[in-house]
């Protein structure tokens, strides 16, 4: 697989921007992120990437851990964006369903949808897509963390 940067950029849907500051996200990516509003006016987070040879498992399909990671990124982003325009969160639990295999050279992305928030927790559903194919779904709980002071 020897795509050029231009060919790869053409695969990424409109609205996704490369970003992220976490070392792991940079290591597996580069990941692209998108913020949008759902039908209820809540902010939705999405995360995705163009699958390369480094993301392929033993069956010549995308590794399931990659989809899990994208769901975690998107759902955590969705949780974080519900509070104060962006609040640190940590995953408490996540149940994932693997529905279909992912294909090398395609853009795989996940989107989170807020179910409910409390003062300390966010409940989020997620879906993962490879092209137009639904490849996974998840539901999970994220905990809001205290923001670090600038002195830490």
N, C-alpha and C. Protein backbone atom coordinates (compact mmCIF):
# COMPACT_ATOMS: atom_id res chain seq x y z
N UNK A 1 0.85 -1.17 0.00
CA UNK A 1 0.00 0.00 0.00
C UNK A 1 0.89 1.22 0.00
N UNK A 2 0.90 1.94 -1.11
CA UNK A 2 1.79 3.10 -1.18
C UNK A 2 1.02 4.31 -1.68
N UNK A 3 0.11 4.78 -0.81
CA UNK A 3 -0.68 5.96 -1.17
C UNK A 3 0.13 7.22 -0.91
N UNK A 4 -0.15 8.23 -1.71
CA UNK A 4 0.49 9.51 -1.48
C UNK A 4 -0.33 10.28 -0.45
N UNK A 5 0.23 11.35 0.06
CA UNK A 5 -0.48 12.18 1.03
C UNK A 5 -1.76 12.74 0.41
N UNK A 6 -1.72 13.13 -0.86
CA UNK A 6 -2.90 13.67 -1.55
C UNK A 6 -3.98 12.62 -1.64
N UNK A 7 -3.63 11.37 -1.98
CA UNK A 7 -4.62 10.30 -2.07
C UNK A 7 -5.23 10.02 -0.70
N UNK A 8 -4.42 10.02 0.34
CA UNK A 8 -4.90 9.78 1.69
C UNK A 8 -5.84 10.90 2.12
N UNK A 9 -5.49 12.14 1.86
CA UNK A 9 -6.34 13.27 2.24
C UNK A 9 -7.69 13.21 1.54
N UNK A 10 -7.73 12.69 0.32
CA UNK A 10 -8.98 12.59 -0.42
C UNK A 10 -9.94 11.59 0.22
N UNK A 11 -9.44 10.64 0.98
CA UNK A 11 -10.26 9.63 1.64
C UNK A 11 -10.93 10.19 2.89
N UNK A 12 -10.29 11.14 3.55
CA UNK A 12 -10.78 11.67 4.82
C UNK A 12 -12.00 12.56 4.57
N UNK A 13 -13.14 12.24 5.23
CA UNK A 13 -14.35 13.03 5.03
C UNK A 13 -14.20 14.49 5.47
N UNK A 14 -14.99 15.34 4.87
CA UNK A 14 -14.99 16.76 5.20
C UNK A 14 -15.31 16.96 6.68
N UNK A 15 -14.64 17.92 7.29
CA UNK A 15 -14.88 18.25 8.68
C UNK A 15 -13.89 17.61 9.65
N UNK A 16 -13.17 16.59 9.21
CA UNK A 16 -12.17 15.96 10.06
C UNK A 16 -10.86 16.70 9.91
N UNK A 17 -10.25 17.05 11.05
CA UNK A 17 -8.96 17.73 11.06
C UNK A 17 -7.97 16.91 11.86
N UNK A 18 -6.74 16.82 11.35
CA UNK A 18 -5.71 16.13 12.11
C UNK A 18 -5.44 16.92 13.38
N UNK A 19 -5.32 16.23 14.46
CA UNK A 19 -5.09 16.92 15.72
C UNK A 19 -4.78 15.94 16.81
N UNK A 20 -5.03 16.35 18.01
CA UNK A 20 -4.75 15.50 19.16
C UNK A 20 -3.38 15.80 19.71
N UNK A 21 -3.27 15.68 20.99
CA UNK A 21 -2.02 16.01 21.64
C UNK A 21 -1.45 14.84 22.42
N UNK A 22 -2.20 13.77 22.54
CA UNK A 22 -1.72 12.64 23.34
C UNK A 22 -0.71 11.82 22.55
N UNK A 23 0.38 11.44 23.17
CA UNK A 23 1.40 10.67 22.46
C UNK A 23 0.86 9.38 21.83
N UNK A 24 -0.04 8.67 22.51
CA UNK A 24 -0.57 7.43 21.95
C UNK A 24 -1.37 7.70 20.67
N UNK A 25 -2.15 8.77 20.67
CA UNK A 25 -2.94 9.12 19.48
C UNK A 25 -2.05 9.42 18.29
N UNK A 26 -0.94 10.08 18.55
CA UNK A 26 0.02 10.37 17.48
C UNK A 26 0.70 9.08 17.02
N UNK A 27 0.98 8.19 17.96
CA UNK A 27 1.69 6.94 17.65
C UNK A 27 0.87 6.04 16.72
N UNK A 28 -0.43 5.90 16.97
CA UNK A 28 -1.24 5.01 16.14
C UNK A 28 -1.78 5.68 14.90
N UNK A 29 -1.72 7.00 14.82
CA UNK A 29 -2.35 7.77 13.75
C UNK A 29 -1.42 8.10 12.62
N UNK A 30 -1.58 9.29 12.16
CA UNK A 30 -2.23 10.41 12.83
C UNK A 30 -3.75 10.27 12.83
N UNK A 31 -4.36 10.60 13.97
CA UNK A 31 -5.81 10.60 14.07
C UNK A 31 -6.35 11.94 13.59
N UNK A 32 -7.55 11.89 13.04
CA UNK A 32 -8.28 13.09 12.66
C UNK A 32 -9.51 13.18 13.56
N UNK A 33 -9.88 14.40 13.91
CA UNK A 33 -10.99 14.62 14.83
C UNK A 33 -12.03 15.55 14.22
N UNK A 34 -13.26 15.42 14.72
CA UNK A 34 -14.36 16.26 14.23
C UNK A 34 -15.31 16.51 15.39
N UNK A 35 -15.81 17.75 15.48
CA UNK A 35 -16.86 18.10 16.43
C UNK A 35 -18.09 18.49 15.64
N UNK A 36 -19.26 18.02 16.07
CA UNK A 36 -20.53 18.37 15.43
C UNK A 36 -21.61 18.33 16.50
N UNK A 37 -22.79 18.79 16.15
CA UNK A 37 -23.94 18.73 17.07
C UNK A 37 -24.87 17.62 16.63
N UNK A 38 -25.40 16.87 17.62
CA UNK A 38 -26.38 15.84 17.30
C UNK A 38 -27.77 16.47 17.20
N UNK A 39 -28.79 15.66 16.98
CA UNK A 39 -30.16 16.16 16.81
C UNK A 39 -30.71 16.82 18.07
N UNK A 40 -30.12 16.55 19.22
CA UNK A 40 -30.56 17.15 20.49
C UNK A 40 -29.74 18.37 20.88
N UNK A 41 -28.80 18.78 20.02
CA UNK A 41 -27.97 19.94 20.30
C UNK A 41 -26.74 19.65 21.13
N UNK A 42 -26.49 18.38 21.46
CA UNK A 42 -25.29 18.00 22.20
C UNK A 42 -24.10 17.91 21.24
N UNK A 43 -22.93 18.24 21.75
CA UNK A 43 -21.73 18.13 20.93
C UNK A 43 -21.34 16.66 20.81
N UNK A 44 -21.04 16.22 19.59
CA UNK A 44 -20.56 14.87 19.33
C UNK A 44 -19.10 14.94 18.94
N UNK A 45 -18.32 14.02 19.45
CA UNK A 45 -16.94 13.90 19.04
C UNK A 45 -16.77 12.72 18.11
N UNK A 46 -15.90 12.87 17.12
CA UNK A 46 -15.57 11.78 16.20
C UNK A 46 -14.06 11.71 16.07
N UNK A 47 -13.56 10.49 15.88
CA UNK A 47 -12.13 10.27 15.68
C UNK A 47 -11.97 9.22 14.59
N UNK A 48 -10.97 9.43 13.73
CA UNK A 48 -10.77 8.46 12.67
C UNK A 48 -9.38 8.53 12.10
N UNK A 49 -9.09 7.58 11.20
CA UNK A 49 -7.82 7.57 10.49
C UNK A 49 -7.94 6.73 9.24
N UNK A 50 -7.00 6.95 8.33
CA UNK A 50 -6.90 6.10 7.16
C UNK A 50 -6.07 4.89 7.56
N UNK A 51 -6.65 3.70 7.41
CA UNK A 51 -5.94 2.48 7.81
C UNK A 51 -4.76 2.21 6.89
N UNK A 52 -3.63 1.91 7.50
CA UNK A 52 -2.43 1.56 6.75
C UNK A 52 -2.03 0.13 7.11
N UNK A 53 -0.95 -0.32 6.55
CA UNK A 53 -0.47 -1.68 6.81
C UNK A 53 -0.17 -1.90 8.29
N UNK A 54 0.18 -0.84 9.01
CA UNK A 54 0.51 -0.99 10.44
C UNK A 54 -0.72 -1.27 11.29
N UNK A 55 -1.92 -1.09 10.75
CA UNK A 55 -3.16 -1.31 11.50
C UNK A 55 -3.79 -2.67 11.22
N UNK A 56 -3.13 -3.49 10.42
CA UNK A 56 -3.73 -4.74 9.97
C UNK A 56 -3.39 -5.88 10.94
N UNK A 57 -4.40 -6.71 11.25
CA UNK A 57 -4.21 -7.89 12.07
C UNK A 57 -3.86 -9.09 11.22
N UNK A 58 -3.84 -10.26 11.84
CA UNK A 58 -3.43 -11.49 11.17
C UNK A 58 -4.36 -11.95 10.05
N UNK A 59 -5.57 -11.46 10.00
CA UNK A 59 -6.52 -11.90 8.97
C UNK A 59 -6.61 -10.93 7.80
N UNK A 60 -5.63 -10.05 7.67
CA UNK A 60 -5.58 -9.03 6.62
C UNK A 60 -6.75 -8.06 6.69
N UNK A 61 -7.25 -7.85 7.88
CA UNK A 61 -8.28 -6.85 8.17
C UNK A 61 -7.74 -5.97 9.29
N UNK A 62 -8.41 -4.87 9.54
CA UNK A 62 -7.97 -3.99 10.62
C UNK A 62 -8.04 -4.69 11.97
N UNK A 63 -7.05 -4.42 12.81
CA UNK A 63 -7.01 -5.00 14.15
C UNK A 63 -8.17 -4.46 14.97
N UNK A 64 -8.86 -5.34 15.70
CA UNK A 64 -10.01 -4.93 16.51
C UNK A 64 -9.65 -3.90 17.56
N UNK A 65 -8.43 -3.94 18.05
CA UNK A 65 -7.99 -2.96 19.04
C UNK A 65 -7.98 -1.54 18.50
N UNK A 66 -7.77 -1.41 17.19
CA UNK A 66 -7.80 -0.09 16.57
C UNK A 66 -9.22 0.49 16.63
N UNK A 67 -10.21 -0.33 16.27
CA UNK A 67 -11.59 0.15 16.33
C UNK A 67 -11.98 0.49 17.77
N UNK A 68 -11.55 -0.34 18.71
CA UNK A 68 -11.82 -0.07 20.12
C UNK A 68 -11.22 1.27 20.54
N UNK A 69 -10.00 1.52 20.10
CA UNK A 69 -9.33 2.78 20.42
C UNK A 69 -10.07 3.97 19.83
N UNK A 70 -10.51 3.86 18.58
CA UNK A 70 -11.24 4.97 17.95
C UNK A 70 -12.56 5.22 18.67
N UNK A 71 -13.26 4.16 19.05
CA UNK A 71 -14.49 4.33 19.82
C UNK A 71 -14.20 5.02 21.15
N UNK A 72 -13.16 4.60 21.84
CA UNK A 72 -12.78 5.21 23.12
C UNK A 72 -12.45 6.69 22.94
N UNK A 73 -11.68 7.01 21.90
CA UNK A 73 -11.32 8.41 21.63
C UNK A 73 -12.57 9.25 21.36
N UNK A 74 -13.44 8.77 20.48
CA UNK A 74 -14.63 9.54 20.09
C UNK A 74 -15.61 9.68 21.25
N UNK A 75 -15.84 8.60 21.97
CA UNK A 75 -16.79 8.63 23.06
C UNK A 75 -16.26 9.45 24.23
N UNK A 76 -14.96 9.35 24.51
CA UNK A 76 -14.36 10.17 25.56
C UNK A 76 -14.38 11.65 25.20
N UNK A 77 -14.12 11.94 23.91
CA UNK A 77 -14.19 13.33 23.44
C UNK A 77 -15.61 13.87 23.60
N UNK A 78 -16.59 13.05 23.26
CA UNK A 78 -17.99 13.45 23.41
C UNK A 78 -18.31 13.76 24.86
N UNK A 79 -17.88 12.89 25.77
CA UNK A 79 -18.11 13.12 27.20
C UNK A 79 -17.44 14.41 27.65
N UNK A 80 -16.19 14.59 27.28
CA UNK A 80 -15.42 15.76 27.70
C UNK A 80 -16.06 17.07 27.23
N UNK A 81 -16.59 17.08 26.03
CA UNK A 81 -17.13 18.30 25.45
C UNK A 81 -18.48 18.72 26.04
N UNK A 82 -19.09 17.87 26.84
CA UNK A 82 -20.40 18.21 27.43
C UNK A 82 -20.27 19.15 28.62
N UNK A 83 -19.09 19.23 29.20
CA UNK A 83 -18.91 19.97 30.44
C UNK A 83 -17.87 21.06 30.25
N UNK A 84 -18.23 22.29 30.48
CA UNK A 84 -17.30 23.42 30.45
C UNK A 84 -16.57 23.55 29.11
N UNK A 85 -17.16 23.08 28.04
CA UNK A 85 -16.54 23.18 26.73
C UNK A 85 -15.32 22.28 26.54
N UNK A 86 -15.06 21.43 27.49
CA UNK A 86 -13.94 20.50 27.42
C UNK A 86 -13.38 20.23 28.79
N UNK A 87 -13.67 19.08 29.33
CA UNK A 87 -13.29 18.74 30.69
C UNK A 87 -12.59 17.38 30.68
N UNK A 88 -11.51 17.19 31.43
CA UNK A 88 -10.81 15.90 31.41
C UNK A 88 -11.71 14.77 31.89
N UNK A 89 -11.62 13.63 31.19
CA UNK A 89 -12.39 12.44 31.55
C UNK A 89 -11.49 11.22 31.50
N UNK A 90 -11.95 10.16 32.13
CA UNK A 90 -11.27 8.86 32.06
C UNK A 90 -12.35 7.80 31.85
N UNK A 91 -12.01 6.79 31.06
CA UNK A 91 -12.94 5.70 30.80
C UNK A 91 -13.11 4.84 32.04
N UNK A 92 -14.38 4.63 32.44
CA UNK A 92 -14.70 3.75 33.55
C UNK A 92 -15.00 2.35 33.02
N UNK A 93 -15.85 2.29 32.00
CA UNK A 93 -16.18 1.00 31.39
C UNK A 93 -16.65 1.23 29.96
N UNK A 94 -16.47 0.19 29.14
CA UNK A 94 -16.91 0.28 27.75
C UNK A 94 -17.19 -1.13 27.24
N UNK A 95 -18.40 -1.34 26.75
CA UNK A 95 -18.76 -2.61 26.14
C UNK A 95 -18.80 -2.41 24.63
N UNK A 96 -18.13 -3.30 23.91
CA UNK A 96 -17.96 -3.12 22.47
C UNK A 96 -18.48 -4.31 21.70
N UNK A 97 -19.11 -4.04 20.56
CA UNK A 97 -19.59 -5.07 19.65
C UNK A 97 -18.84 -4.93 18.33
N UNK A 98 -18.22 -6.01 17.90
CA UNK A 98 -17.51 -6.05 16.63
C UNK A 98 -18.48 -6.61 15.59
N UNK A 99 -18.88 -5.78 14.63
CA UNK A 99 -19.94 -6.14 13.70
C UNK A 99 -19.41 -6.61 12.35
N UNK A 100 -18.38 -5.97 11.84
CA UNK A 100 -17.82 -6.33 10.53
C UNK A 100 -16.34 -6.01 10.51
N UNK A 101 -15.63 -6.63 9.59
CA UNK A 101 -14.21 -6.38 9.43
C UNK A 101 -13.95 -5.03 8.77
N UNK A 102 -12.77 -4.50 9.00
CA UNK A 102 -12.38 -3.23 8.40
C UNK A 102 -11.36 -3.50 7.29
N UNK A 103 -11.32 -2.60 6.33
CA UNK A 103 -10.56 -2.83 5.11
C UNK A 103 -9.38 -1.87 5.01
N UNK A 104 -8.19 -2.39 4.73
CA UNK A 104 -7.02 -1.53 4.56
C UNK A 104 -7.26 -0.48 3.45
N UNK A 105 -6.73 0.71 3.68
CA UNK A 105 -6.86 1.78 2.70
C UNK A 105 -8.12 2.62 2.85
N UNK A 106 -9.00 2.22 3.74
CA UNK A 106 -10.25 2.96 3.98
C UNK A 106 -10.10 3.87 5.19
N UNK A 107 -10.98 4.85 5.28
CA UNK A 107 -11.06 5.71 6.46
C UNK A 107 -12.00 5.05 7.44
N UNK A 108 -11.50 4.75 8.63
CA UNK A 108 -12.33 4.20 9.69
C UNK A 108 -12.51 5.29 10.73
N UNK A 109 -13.75 5.47 11.17
CA UNK A 109 -13.99 6.50 12.18
C UNK A 109 -15.10 6.07 13.13
N UNK A 110 -15.10 6.68 14.30
CA UNK A 110 -16.10 6.42 15.32
C UNK A 110 -16.67 7.75 15.78
N UNK A 111 -17.93 7.71 16.18
CA UNK A 111 -18.63 8.90 16.67
C UNK A 111 -19.34 8.55 17.97
N UNK A 112 -19.25 9.45 18.95
CA UNK A 112 -19.93 9.27 20.23
C UNK A 112 -21.22 10.07 20.27
N UNK A 113 -22.19 9.55 20.99
CA UNK A 113 -23.47 10.24 21.21
C UNK A 113 -23.77 10.20 22.70
N UNK A 114 -24.00 11.36 23.28
CA UNK A 114 -24.26 11.44 24.71
C UNK A 114 -25.62 10.83 25.02
N UNK A 115 -25.68 10.01 26.05
CA UNK A 115 -26.95 9.43 26.51
C UNK A 115 -27.44 10.22 27.71
N UNK A 116 -26.52 10.47 28.66
CA UNK A 116 -26.86 11.23 29.86
C UNK A 116 -25.58 11.67 30.54
N UNK A 117 -25.66 12.77 31.27
CA UNK A 117 -24.54 13.20 32.10
C UNK A 117 -25.04 13.49 33.51
N UNK A 118 -24.16 13.30 34.47
CA UNK A 118 -24.41 13.71 35.84
C UNK A 118 -23.27 14.66 36.20
N UNK A 119 -23.20 15.07 37.44
CA UNK A 119 -22.12 15.96 37.86
C UNK A 119 -20.75 15.30 37.73
N UNK A 120 -20.69 13.97 37.84
CA UNK A 120 -19.40 13.29 37.86
C UNK A 120 -19.21 12.25 36.75
N UNK A 121 -20.27 11.91 36.01
CA UNK A 121 -20.19 10.84 35.01
C UNK A 121 -20.89 11.23 33.70
N UNK A 122 -20.44 10.61 32.63
CA UNK A 122 -21.10 10.74 31.33
C UNK A 122 -21.34 9.34 30.78
N UNK A 123 -22.53 9.12 30.24
CA UNK A 123 -22.92 7.85 29.64
C UNK A 123 -23.02 8.09 28.14
N UNK A 124 -22.27 7.31 27.38
CA UNK A 124 -22.10 7.60 25.95
C UNK A 124 -22.26 6.32 25.13
N UNK A 125 -22.93 6.45 23.98
CA UNK A 125 -23.00 5.38 22.99
C UNK A 125 -22.08 5.76 21.83
N UNK A 126 -21.61 4.76 21.11
CA UNK A 126 -20.74 5.03 19.98
C UNK A 126 -20.97 4.06 18.83
N UNK A 127 -20.64 4.52 17.64
CA UNK A 127 -20.68 3.68 16.44
C UNK A 127 -19.40 3.89 15.66
N UNK A 128 -18.91 2.83 15.05
CA UNK A 128 -17.71 2.90 14.23
C UNK A 128 -18.06 2.49 12.80
N UNK A 129 -17.48 3.20 11.85
CA UNK A 129 -17.75 3.00 10.43
C UNK A 129 -16.45 2.83 9.66
N UNK A 130 -16.48 1.98 8.66
CA UNK A 130 -15.38 1.85 7.71
C UNK A 130 -16.03 2.12 6.35
N UNK A 131 -15.75 3.30 5.80
CA UNK A 131 -16.50 3.72 4.61
C UNK A 131 -17.95 3.87 5.00
N UNK A 132 -18.85 3.21 4.28
CA UNK A 132 -20.29 3.28 4.57
C UNK A 132 -20.78 2.09 5.39
N UNK A 133 -19.86 1.25 5.87
CA UNK A 133 -20.24 0.03 6.59
C UNK A 133 -20.10 0.22 8.09
N UNK A 134 -21.18 -0.07 8.82
CA UNK A 134 -21.12 -0.07 10.28
C UNK A 134 -20.29 -1.26 10.71
N UNK A 135 -19.19 -1.02 11.41
CA UNK A 135 -18.28 -2.10 11.79
C UNK A 135 -18.25 -2.36 13.29
N UNK A 136 -18.80 -1.44 14.09
CA UNK A 136 -18.79 -1.65 15.53
C UNK A 136 -19.70 -0.70 16.25
N UNK A 137 -20.05 -1.08 17.46
CA UNK A 137 -20.84 -0.19 18.33
C UNK A 137 -20.35 -0.39 19.76
N UNK A 138 -20.64 0.57 20.60
CA UNK A 138 -20.19 0.50 21.99
C UNK A 138 -21.08 1.36 22.88
N UNK A 139 -21.04 1.07 24.16
CA UNK A 139 -21.64 1.95 25.16
C UNK A 139 -20.69 1.97 26.34
N UNK A 140 -20.63 3.11 27.00
CA UNK A 140 -19.68 3.21 28.08
C UNK A 140 -19.95 4.35 29.04
N UNK A 141 -19.12 4.39 30.06
CA UNK A 141 -19.23 5.39 31.13
C UNK A 141 -17.87 6.08 31.27
N UNK A 142 -17.90 7.41 31.35
CA UNK A 142 -16.69 8.22 31.55
C UNK A 142 -16.86 9.04 32.81
N UNK A 143 -15.78 9.15 33.58
CA UNK A 143 -15.78 9.94 34.82
C UNK A 143 -15.09 11.27 34.56
N UNK A 144 -15.74 12.33 35.04
CA UNK A 144 -15.12 13.66 34.97
C UNK A 144 -14.06 13.78 36.05
N UNK A 145 -12.88 14.20 35.67
CA UNK A 145 -11.77 14.38 36.61
C UNK A 145 -11.69 15.83 37.06
N UNK A 146 -11.03 16.04 38.18
CA UNK A 146 -10.73 17.41 38.59
C UNK A 146 -9.73 17.98 37.59
N UNK A 147 -9.92 19.22 37.23
CA UNK A 147 -8.93 19.86 36.38
C UNK A 147 -7.68 20.10 37.20
N UNK A 148 -6.54 19.88 36.57
CA UNK A 148 -5.26 20.15 37.26
C UNK A 148 -5.05 21.63 37.38
N UNK A 149 -4.51 22.03 38.50
CA UNK A 149 -4.19 23.44 38.65
C UNK A 149 -2.94 23.73 37.82
N UNK A 150 -2.72 24.97 37.51
CA UNK A 150 -1.57 25.35 36.71
C UNK A 150 -0.27 25.17 37.50
N UNK A 151 -0.36 24.99 38.82
CA UNK A 151 0.81 24.81 39.66
C UNK A 151 1.30 23.37 39.65
N UNK A 152 0.47 22.40 39.22
CA UNK A 152 0.87 20.97 39.22
C UNK A 152 1.79 20.66 38.10
